[in-house]
Amino acid sequence: MLSNNKAIRPVMHSDAASLCSLYNYYIEHTVITFEEDTVSLQAMEERIRTITARYPWLVWEDGGEVIGYASTNRWRERPAYRFSVENSLYLRHGFEGQGIGSCLLAALLDKLRQTDLHAVVAAITLPNERSTAVHEKFGFKMTARFNEIGFKQDRWLDVGYWELLL
């Protein structure tokens, strides 16, 4: 249940424990992320430090609780990719379908448009109707599909790539 005390704000180091709880659910129970080992508090703190040094990372806070996040990170390591990022969008399990993801993605894209970045890529494990729908709502177009590119939870998984030019 959402309260009237909600806000989208930049991630803080003090959010690390909440982010671990939120994200580790997806590692342990879904194929949405290809990570297989849960993220420790120390590792999440390092991710926050490293990513926010260059890219935006926003959280949806409701009544003091982090309900979701939208972040970006380097797309690839080669220098020619420096104007491209990959985005991530995660909501605490049970809060899907309330418009939080759309609000977070809209705010993230607004931040990205204020930078020198040119392209945003979303890698989505398929099928994932909610993620594909929210990205397409904001103009992302599917540009690639890799069949059986990942293996998690004893099955082969496809990944689609959506791109948005800022």
N, C-alpha and C. Protein backbone atom coordinates (compact mmCIF):
# COMPACT_ATOMS: atom_id res chain seq x y z
N MET A 1 0.85 -1.19 0.00
CA MET A 1 0.00 0.00 0.00
C MET A 1 0.88 1.24 0.00
N LEU A 2 0.64 2.16 -0.90
CA LEU A 2 1.43 3.38 -0.99
C LEU A 2 0.84 4.45 -0.07
N SER A 3 1.73 5.24 0.49
CA SER A 3 1.30 6.33 1.38
C SER A 3 1.33 7.64 0.61
N ASN A 4 0.99 8.72 1.30
CA ASN A 4 1.09 10.05 0.69
C ASN A 4 2.49 10.62 0.81
N ASN A 5 3.37 9.93 1.54
CA ASN A 5 4.72 10.40 1.78
C ASN A 5 5.69 9.67 0.86
N LYS A 6 5.62 9.98 -0.44
CA LYS A 6 6.47 9.30 -1.41
C LYS A 6 7.26 10.32 -2.21
N ALA A 7 8.42 9.86 -2.69
CA ALA A 7 9.29 10.77 -3.43
C ALA A 7 10.25 9.97 -4.30
N ILE A 8 10.63 10.56 -5.42
CA ILE A 8 11.73 10.05 -6.21
C ILE A 8 12.92 10.92 -5.87
N ARG A 9 14.03 10.27 -5.52
CA ARG A 9 15.22 11.01 -5.11
C ARG A 9 16.46 10.24 -5.52
N PRO A 10 17.62 10.91 -5.51
CA PRO A 10 18.86 10.19 -5.80
C PRO A 10 19.14 9.14 -4.73
N VAL A 11 19.74 8.06 -5.14
CA VAL A 11 20.12 7.01 -4.20
C VAL A 11 21.13 7.58 -3.20
N MET A 12 21.09 7.04 -1.99
CA MET A 12 22.05 7.40 -0.96
C MET A 12 22.76 6.13 -0.49
N HIS A 13 23.94 6.28 0.06
CA HIS A 13 24.67 5.11 0.56
C HIS A 13 23.86 4.38 1.63
N SER A 14 23.07 5.12 2.38
CA SER A 14 22.25 4.51 3.42
C SER A 14 21.12 3.63 2.86
N ASP A 15 20.90 3.67 1.54
CA ASP A 15 19.89 2.82 0.90
C ASP A 15 20.40 1.42 0.60
N ALA A 16 21.66 1.17 0.80
CA ALA A 16 22.27 -0.08 0.35
C ALA A 16 21.56 -1.32 0.89
N ALA A 17 21.22 -1.35 2.16
CA ALA A 17 20.57 -2.53 2.72
C ALA A 17 19.19 -2.76 2.09
N SER A 18 18.43 -1.68 1.91
CA SER A 18 17.12 -1.81 1.27
C SER A 18 17.26 -2.29 -0.17
N LEU A 19 18.26 -1.78 -0.88
CA LEU A 19 18.47 -2.18 -2.27
C LEU A 19 18.89 -3.65 -2.35
N CYS A 20 19.71 -4.10 -1.41
CA CYS A 20 20.08 -5.52 -1.37
C CYS A 20 18.84 -6.38 -1.22
N SER A 21 17.99 -6.04 -0.29
CA SER A 21 16.77 -6.81 -0.05
C SER A 21 15.90 -6.84 -1.29
N LEU A 22 15.70 -5.70 -1.90
CA LEU A 22 14.85 -5.57 -3.08
C LEU A 22 15.43 -6.38 -4.24
N TYR A 23 16.71 -6.17 -4.56
CA TYR A 23 17.34 -6.79 -5.73
C TYR A 23 17.62 -8.28 -5.51
N ASN A 24 18.03 -8.65 -4.32
CA ASN A 24 18.35 -10.06 -4.07
C ASN A 24 17.13 -10.96 -4.24
N TYR A 25 15.94 -10.42 -4.02
CA TYR A 25 14.73 -11.20 -4.30
C TYR A 25 14.75 -11.70 -5.75
N TYR A 26 15.09 -10.80 -6.68
CA TYR A 26 15.09 -11.14 -8.10
C TYR A 26 16.21 -12.13 -8.44
N ILE A 27 17.33 -12.01 -7.76
CA ILE A 27 18.42 -12.96 -7.98
C ILE A 27 17.98 -14.36 -7.55
N GLU A 28 17.38 -14.46 -6.38
CA GLU A 28 17.03 -15.75 -5.80
C GLU A 28 15.79 -16.40 -6.41
N HIS A 29 14.83 -15.60 -6.86
CA HIS A 29 13.53 -16.16 -7.23
C HIS A 29 13.13 -16.00 -8.69
N THR A 30 13.92 -15.29 -9.48
CA THR A 30 13.52 -15.04 -10.86
C THR A 30 14.70 -15.20 -11.81
N VAL A 31 14.39 -15.10 -13.09
CA VAL A 31 15.43 -15.08 -14.12
C VAL A 31 15.57 -13.68 -14.72
N ILE A 32 14.94 -12.70 -14.10
CA ILE A 32 14.97 -11.34 -14.62
C ILE A 32 16.39 -10.80 -14.65
N THR A 33 17.18 -11.09 -13.61
CA THR A 33 18.59 -10.75 -13.62
C THR A 33 19.38 -12.03 -13.82
N PHE A 34 20.50 -11.93 -14.49
CA PHE A 34 21.35 -13.10 -14.71
C PHE A 34 22.37 -13.27 -13.59
N GLU A 35 22.36 -12.41 -12.60
CA GLU A 35 23.21 -12.65 -11.44
C GLU A 35 22.67 -13.89 -10.73
N GLU A 36 23.57 -14.69 -10.19
CA GLU A 36 23.16 -15.91 -9.51
C GLU A 36 23.49 -15.91 -8.02
N ASP A 37 24.45 -15.09 -7.62
CA ASP A 37 24.82 -14.97 -6.21
C ASP A 37 24.27 -13.65 -5.68
N THR A 38 23.68 -13.70 -4.49
CA THR A 38 23.11 -12.49 -3.91
C THR A 38 24.21 -11.44 -3.70
N VAL A 39 23.78 -10.19 -3.70
CA VAL A 39 24.69 -9.06 -3.56
C VAL A 39 24.81 -8.72 -2.08
N SER A 40 26.03 -8.65 -1.59
CA SER A 40 26.26 -8.31 -0.19
C SER A 40 26.08 -6.81 0.03
N LEU A 41 25.92 -6.44 1.28
CA LEU A 41 25.81 -5.02 1.62
C LEU A 41 27.04 -4.26 1.14
N GLN A 42 28.21 -4.80 1.36
CA GLN A 42 29.44 -4.14 0.93
C GLN A 42 29.49 -3.98 -0.59
N ALA A 43 29.07 -5.00 -1.32
CA ALA A 43 29.07 -4.93 -2.78
C ALA A 43 28.06 -3.89 -3.27
N MET A 44 26.90 -3.81 -2.63
CA MET A 44 25.91 -2.81 -3.03
C MET A 44 26.42 -1.40 -2.74
N GLU A 45 27.06 -1.22 -1.60
CA GLU A 45 27.64 0.09 -1.28
C GLU A 45 28.67 0.49 -2.33
N GLU A 46 29.46 -0.47 -2.79
CA GLU A 46 30.47 -0.20 -3.83
C GLU A 46 29.79 0.13 -5.16
N ARG A 47 28.72 -0.57 -5.49
CA ARG A 47 27.99 -0.26 -6.73
C ARG A 47 27.44 1.17 -6.68
N ILE A 48 26.86 1.52 -5.56
CA ILE A 48 26.32 2.88 -5.43
C ILE A 48 27.43 3.90 -5.62
N ARG A 49 28.55 3.69 -4.96
CA ARG A 49 29.68 4.63 -5.04
C ARG A 49 30.19 4.74 -6.48
N THR A 50 30.40 3.61 -7.11
CA THR A 50 30.98 3.59 -8.45
C THR A 50 30.02 4.16 -9.50
N ILE A 51 28.80 3.70 -9.48
CA ILE A 51 27.84 4.10 -10.51
C ILE A 51 27.48 5.58 -10.38
N THR A 52 27.22 6.04 -9.17
CA THR A 52 26.79 7.44 -9.01
C THR A 52 27.91 8.44 -9.23
N ALA A 53 29.13 7.97 -9.32
CA ALA A 53 30.23 8.87 -9.66
C ALA A 53 30.07 9.40 -11.08
N ARG A 54 29.34 8.68 -11.91
CA ARG A 54 29.20 9.09 -13.32
C ARG A 54 27.75 9.14 -13.81
N TYR A 55 26.88 8.28 -13.26
CA TYR A 55 25.55 8.12 -13.82
C TYR A 55 24.45 8.32 -12.76
N PRO A 56 23.24 8.66 -13.20
CA PRO A 56 22.13 8.79 -12.25
C PRO A 56 21.62 7.45 -11.75
N TRP A 57 21.19 7.46 -10.51
CA TRP A 57 20.55 6.30 -9.88
C TRP A 57 19.48 6.88 -8.97
N LEU A 58 18.24 6.59 -9.26
CA LEU A 58 17.10 7.14 -8.53
C LEU A 58 16.37 6.05 -7.76
N VAL A 59 15.79 6.42 -6.62
CA VAL A 59 14.96 5.49 -5.87
C VAL A 59 13.58 6.10 -5.66
N TRP A 60 12.60 5.23 -5.53
CA TRP A 60 11.24 5.62 -5.13
C TRP A 60 11.14 5.27 -3.66
N GLU A 61 10.96 6.30 -2.85
CA GLU A 61 10.83 6.12 -1.41
C GLU A 61 9.40 6.41 -1.01
N ASP A 62 8.86 5.54 -0.18
CA ASP A 62 7.50 5.72 0.30
C ASP A 62 7.49 5.47 1.80
N GLY A 63 7.21 6.51 2.55
CA GLY A 63 7.17 6.38 4.00
C GLY A 63 8.49 5.90 4.59
N GLY A 64 9.60 6.31 3.99
CA GLY A 64 10.91 5.92 4.48
C GLY A 64 11.42 4.60 3.95
N GLU A 65 10.61 3.90 3.15
CA GLU A 65 11.00 2.60 2.60
C GLU A 65 11.29 2.73 1.10
N VAL A 66 12.40 2.15 0.66
CA VAL A 66 12.74 2.14 -0.76
C VAL A 66 11.90 1.05 -1.42
N ILE A 67 11.06 1.49 -2.37
CA ILE A 67 10.12 0.59 -3.06
C ILE A 67 10.65 0.18 -4.43
N GLY A 68 11.49 1.01 -5.03
CA GLY A 68 12.01 0.68 -6.35
C GLY A 68 13.19 1.56 -6.70
N TYR A 69 13.83 1.19 -7.80
CA TYR A 69 14.94 2.04 -8.28
C TYR A 69 15.08 1.96 -9.79
N ALA A 70 15.66 3.01 -10.33
CA ALA A 70 16.02 3.09 -11.74
C ALA A 70 17.45 3.60 -11.78
N SER A 71 18.30 2.85 -12.45
CA SER A 71 19.71 3.24 -12.51
C SER A 71 20.24 3.06 -13.92
N THR A 72 21.40 3.62 -14.11
CA THR A 72 22.11 3.44 -15.37
C THR A 72 23.54 3.04 -15.05
N ASN A 73 24.16 2.44 -16.02
CA ASN A 73 25.56 2.09 -15.89
C ASN A 73 26.16 2.03 -17.28
N ARG A 74 27.45 1.96 -17.33
CA ARG A 74 28.16 1.89 -18.61
C ARG A 74 27.59 0.76 -19.45
N TRP A 75 27.40 1.02 -20.74
CA TRP A 75 26.89 0.00 -21.66
C TRP A 75 27.97 -1.03 -21.95
N ARG A 76 29.10 -0.58 -22.41
CA ARG A 76 30.24 -1.46 -22.70
C ARG A 76 31.50 -0.71 -22.31
N GLU A 77 32.61 -1.41 -22.23
CA GLU A 77 33.83 -0.78 -21.73
C GLU A 77 34.63 -0.01 -22.76
N ARG A 78 34.52 -0.29 -24.02
CA ARG A 78 35.32 0.38 -25.03
C ARG A 78 34.99 1.88 -25.05
N PRO A 79 35.99 2.73 -25.25
CA PRO A 79 35.77 4.19 -25.19
C PRO A 79 34.71 4.72 -26.15
N ALA A 80 34.55 4.11 -27.30
CA ALA A 80 33.58 4.62 -28.27
C ALA A 80 32.14 4.50 -27.78
N TYR A 81 31.91 3.68 -26.75
CA TYR A 81 30.58 3.52 -26.17
C TYR A 81 30.30 4.52 -25.05
N ARG A 82 31.17 5.48 -24.83
CA ARG A 82 31.06 6.36 -23.66
C ARG A 82 29.79 7.19 -23.60
N PHE A 83 29.07 7.32 -24.71
CA PHE A 83 27.83 8.10 -24.72
C PHE A 83 26.58 7.22 -24.64
N SER A 84 26.79 5.95 -24.28
CA SER A 84 25.69 4.99 -24.19
C SER A 84 25.68 4.36 -22.80
N VAL A 85 24.47 4.10 -22.30
CA VAL A 85 24.31 3.47 -20.99
C VAL A 85 23.27 2.37 -21.08
N GLU A 86 23.32 1.48 -20.09
CA GLU A 86 22.28 0.46 -19.92
C GLU A 86 21.49 0.85 -18.69
N ASN A 87 20.18 0.74 -18.78
CA ASN A 87 19.36 1.08 -17.61
C ASN A 87 18.87 -0.18 -16.92
N SER A 88 18.58 -0.03 -15.63
CA SER A 88 17.97 -1.08 -14.82
C SER A 88 16.78 -0.48 -14.09
N LEU A 89 15.74 -1.26 -13.94
CA LEU A 89 14.52 -0.82 -13.28
C LEU A 89 13.98 -1.98 -12.46
N TYR A 90 13.94 -1.81 -11.15
CA TYR A 90 13.46 -2.87 -10.26
C TYR A 90 12.51 -2.30 -9.22
N LEU A 91 11.47 -3.05 -8.92
CA LEU A 91 10.50 -2.68 -7.88
C LEU A 91 10.47 -3.78 -6.83
N ARG A 92 10.24 -3.37 -5.60
CA ARG A 92 10.07 -4.36 -4.54
C ARG A 92 8.93 -5.29 -4.94
N HIS A 93 9.15 -6.59 -4.77
CA HIS A 93 8.14 -7.58 -5.15
C HIS A 93 6.81 -7.25 -4.45
N GLY A 94 5.74 -7.25 -5.25
CA GLY A 94 4.42 -6.94 -4.72
C GLY A 94 3.97 -5.53 -5.02
N PHE A 95 4.87 -4.68 -5.53
CA PHE A 95 4.51 -3.30 -5.85
C PHE A 95 4.40 -3.06 -7.35
N GLU A 96 4.40 -4.12 -8.13
CA GLU A 96 4.29 -4.00 -9.58
C GLU A 96 2.88 -3.53 -9.96
N GLY A 97 2.76 -2.89 -11.12
CA GLY A 97 1.46 -2.52 -11.65
C GLY A 97 0.81 -1.31 -11.02
N GLN A 98 1.57 -0.51 -10.27
CA GLN A 98 1.03 0.68 -9.62
C GLN A 98 1.54 1.98 -10.24
N GLY A 99 2.29 1.88 -11.33
CA GLY A 99 2.80 3.08 -11.99
C GLY A 99 4.14 3.56 -11.47
N ILE A 100 4.70 2.88 -10.49
CA ILE A 100 5.98 3.30 -9.91
C ILE A 100 7.10 3.18 -10.94
N GLY A 101 7.12 2.08 -11.67
CA GLY A 101 8.16 1.89 -12.68
C GLY A 101 8.13 2.98 -13.74
N SER A 102 6.94 3.35 -14.19
CA SER A 102 6.82 4.43 -15.18
C SER A 102 7.33 5.75 -14.62
N CYS A 103 6.99 6.05 -13.38
CA CYS A 103 7.46 7.30 -12.77
C CYS A 103 8.98 7.31 -12.64
N LEU A 104 9.53 6.20 -12.21
CA LEU A 104 10.99 6.12 -12.07
C LEU A 104 11.69 6.23 -13.42
N LEU A 105 11.19 5.52 -14.42
CA LEU A 105 11.83 5.56 -15.74
C LEU A 105 11.71 6.96 -16.34
N ALA A 106 10.57 7.61 -16.19
CA ALA A 106 10.42 8.98 -16.69
C ALA A 106 11.42 9.92 -16.03
N ALA A 107 11.57 9.81 -14.73
CA ALA A 107 12.51 10.67 -14.01
C ALA A 107 13.95 10.38 -14.42
N LEU A 108 14.26 9.11 -14.61
CA LEU A 108 15.61 8.74 -15.03
C LEU A 108 15.91 9.30 -16.42
N LEU A 109 14.98 9.15 -17.34
CA LEU A 109 15.19 9.67 -18.70
C LEU A 109 15.33 11.19 -18.69
N ASP A 110 14.57 11.88 -17.85
CA ASP A 110 14.73 13.33 -17.71
C ASP A 110 16.16 13.68 -17.29
N LYS A 111 16.68 12.94 -16.32
CA LYS A 111 18.06 13.18 -15.86
C LYS A 111 19.06 12.90 -16.98
N LEU A 112 18.86 11.81 -17.70
CA LEU A 112 19.79 11.45 -18.77
C LEU A 112 19.79 12.48 -19.89
N ARG A 113 18.65 13.08 -20.16
CA ARG A 113 18.57 14.09 -21.21
C ARG A 113 19.31 15.37 -20.85
N GLN A 114 19.68 15.53 -19.60
CA GLN A 114 20.44 16.69 -19.15
C GLN A 114 21.95 16.43 -19.20
N THR A 115 22.34 15.29 -19.76
CA THR A 115 23.75 14.93 -19.84
C THR A 115 24.19 14.89 -21.30
N ASP A 116 25.42 14.47 -21.52
CA ASP A 116 25.93 14.31 -22.88
C ASP A 116 25.70 12.91 -23.43
N LEU A 117 24.92 12.11 -22.72
CA LEU A 117 24.64 10.74 -23.18
C LEU A 117 23.74 10.76 -24.41
N HIS A 118 23.86 9.73 -25.23
CA HIS A 118 23.14 9.68 -26.50
C HIS A 118 22.16 8.51 -26.61
N ALA A 119 22.51 7.35 -26.01
CA ALA A 119 21.68 6.16 -26.18
C ALA A 119 21.53 5.43 -24.86
N VAL A 120 20.32 4.86 -24.67
CA VAL A 120 20.02 4.05 -23.49
C VAL A 120 19.60 2.68 -24.00
N VAL A 121 20.18 1.64 -23.42
CA VAL A 121 19.88 0.27 -23.80
C VAL A 121 19.25 -0.44 -22.61
N ALA A 122 18.19 -1.19 -22.88
CA ALA A 122 17.57 -2.03 -21.87
C ALA A 122 17.69 -3.48 -22.31
N ALA A 123 18.34 -4.29 -21.49
CA ALA A 123 18.45 -5.73 -21.75
C ALA A 123 17.38 -6.42 -20.92
N ILE A 124 16.48 -7.12 -21.56
CA ILE A 124 15.32 -7.69 -20.87
C ILE A 124 15.24 -9.19 -21.13
N THR A 125 15.24 -9.96 -20.05
CA THR A 125 15.04 -11.41 -20.17
C THR A 125 13.61 -11.64 -20.66
N LEU A 126 13.48 -12.51 -21.64
CA LEU A 126 12.18 -12.75 -22.26
C LEU A 126 11.61 -14.10 -21.86
N PRO A 127 10.29 -14.15 -21.66
CA PRO A 127 9.34 -13.04 -21.77
C PRO A 127 9.29 -12.21 -20.48
N ASN A 128 8.98 -10.95 -20.63
CA ASN A 128 8.80 -10.04 -19.49
C ASN A 128 7.91 -8.90 -19.98
N GLU A 129 6.62 -9.14 -20.03
CA GLU A 129 5.67 -8.19 -20.60
C GLU A 129 5.69 -6.84 -19.90
N ARG A 130 5.81 -6.83 -18.58
CA ARG A 130 5.79 -5.56 -17.85
C ARG A 130 6.98 -4.69 -18.21
N SER A 131 8.15 -5.29 -18.26
CA SER A 131 9.34 -4.51 -18.57
C SER A 131 9.33 -4.03 -20.02
N THR A 132 8.95 -4.90 -20.94
CA THR A 132 8.92 -4.47 -22.34
C THR A 132 7.87 -3.37 -22.52
N ALA A 133 6.74 -3.49 -21.86
CA ALA A 133 5.68 -2.48 -22.00
C ALA A 133 6.11 -1.12 -21.46
N VAL A 134 6.74 -1.09 -20.30
CA VAL A 134 7.12 0.21 -19.73
C VAL A 134 8.21 0.86 -20.58
N HIS A 135 9.14 0.07 -21.10
CA HIS A 135 10.17 0.66 -21.95
C HIS A 135 9.59 1.16 -23.27
N GLU A 136 8.71 0.38 -23.88
CA GLU A 136 8.10 0.82 -25.14
C GLU A 136 7.21 2.04 -24.94
N LYS A 137 6.60 2.17 -23.78
CA LYS A 137 5.79 3.35 -23.46
C LYS A 137 6.62 4.63 -23.58
N PHE A 138 7.91 4.54 -23.29
CA PHE A 138 8.78 5.71 -23.35
C PHE A 138 9.59 5.80 -24.64
N GLY A 139 9.23 4.98 -25.62
CA GLY A 139 9.84 5.10 -26.94
C GLY A 139 10.99 4.16 -27.23
N PHE A 140 11.32 3.27 -26.32
CA PHE A 140 12.35 2.27 -26.59
C PHE A 140 11.87 1.36 -27.71
N LYS A 141 12.77 1.00 -28.60
CA LYS A 141 12.46 0.09 -29.71
C LYS A 141 13.33 -1.16 -29.59
N MET A 142 12.72 -2.32 -29.84
CA MET A 142 13.50 -3.55 -29.81
C MET A 142 14.47 -3.56 -30.97
N THR A 143 15.74 -3.82 -30.68
CA THR A 143 16.77 -3.80 -31.72
C THR A 143 17.45 -5.15 -31.90
N ALA A 144 17.31 -6.05 -30.91
CA ALA A 144 17.97 -7.35 -31.03
C ALA A 144 17.31 -8.36 -30.10
N ARG A 145 17.46 -9.61 -30.47
CA ARG A 145 17.02 -10.71 -29.61
C ARG A 145 18.08 -11.80 -29.72
N PHE A 146 18.54 -12.22 -28.57
CA PHE A 146 19.50 -13.32 -28.50
C PHE A 146 18.79 -14.52 -27.89
N ASN A 147 18.74 -15.60 -28.64
CA ASN A 147 18.06 -16.80 -28.20
C ASN A 147 18.99 -17.66 -27.34
N GLU A 148 18.45 -18.13 -26.23
CA GLU A 148 19.16 -19.04 -25.33
C GLU A 148 20.57 -18.55 -25.01
N ILE A 149 20.69 -17.27 -24.70
CA ILE A 149 21.98 -16.64 -24.44
C ILE A 149 22.42 -16.80 -22.98
N GLY A 150 21.44 -17.04 -22.08
CA GLY A 150 21.76 -17.22 -20.67
C GLY A 150 21.17 -18.51 -20.14
N PHE A 151 21.76 -18.99 -19.05
CA PHE A 151 21.28 -20.22 -18.43
C PHE A 151 21.17 -19.98 -16.93
N LYS A 152 19.94 -20.04 -16.41
CA LYS A 152 19.69 -19.83 -14.99
C LYS A 152 18.47 -20.65 -14.61
N GLN A 153 18.48 -21.13 -13.38
CA GLN A 153 17.38 -21.94 -12.86
C GLN A 153 17.07 -23.12 -13.79
N ASP A 154 18.14 -23.73 -14.26
CA ASP A 154 18.06 -24.96 -15.07
C ASP A 154 17.34 -24.79 -16.40
N ARG A 155 17.42 -23.59 -16.96
CA ARG A 155 16.82 -23.43 -18.29
C ARG A 155 17.55 -22.34 -19.09
N TRP A 156 17.45 -22.48 -20.40
CA TRP A 156 18.03 -21.51 -21.32
C TRP A 156 17.08 -20.33 -21.46
N LEU A 157 17.66 -19.14 -21.52
CA LEU A 157 16.86 -17.92 -21.53
C LEU A 157 17.23 -17.01 -22.69
N ASP A 158 16.21 -16.38 -23.26
CA ASP A 158 16.40 -15.40 -24.32
C ASP A 158 16.49 -14.00 -23.70
N VAL A 159 17.20 -13.12 -24.38
CA VAL A 159 17.30 -11.72 -23.96
C VAL A 159 17.04 -10.83 -25.16
N GLY A 160 16.18 -9.84 -24.94
CA GLY A 160 15.93 -8.84 -25.96
C GLY A 160 16.61 -7.54 -25.56
N TYR A 161 16.98 -6.76 -26.57
CA TYR A 161 17.59 -5.46 -26.33
C TYR A 161 16.71 -4.37 -26.92
N TRP A 162 16.38 -3.40 -26.11
CA TRP A 162 15.61 -2.23 -26.52
C TRP A 162 16.52 -1.03 -26.42
N GLU A 163 16.35 -0.09 -27.36
CA GLU A 163 17.21 1.09 -27.39
C GLU A 163 16.35 2.36 -27.51
N LEU A 164 16.81 3.39 -26.84
CA LEU A 164 16.21 4.71 -26.95
C LEU A 164 17.33 5.71 -27.21
N LEU A 165 17.18 6.47 -28.28
CA LEU A 165 18.14 7.56 -28.54
C LEU A 165 17.61 8.81 -27.87
N LEU A 166 18.46 9.41 -27.07
CA LEU A 166 18.06 10.61 -26.33
C LEU A 166 18.12 11.79 -27.27
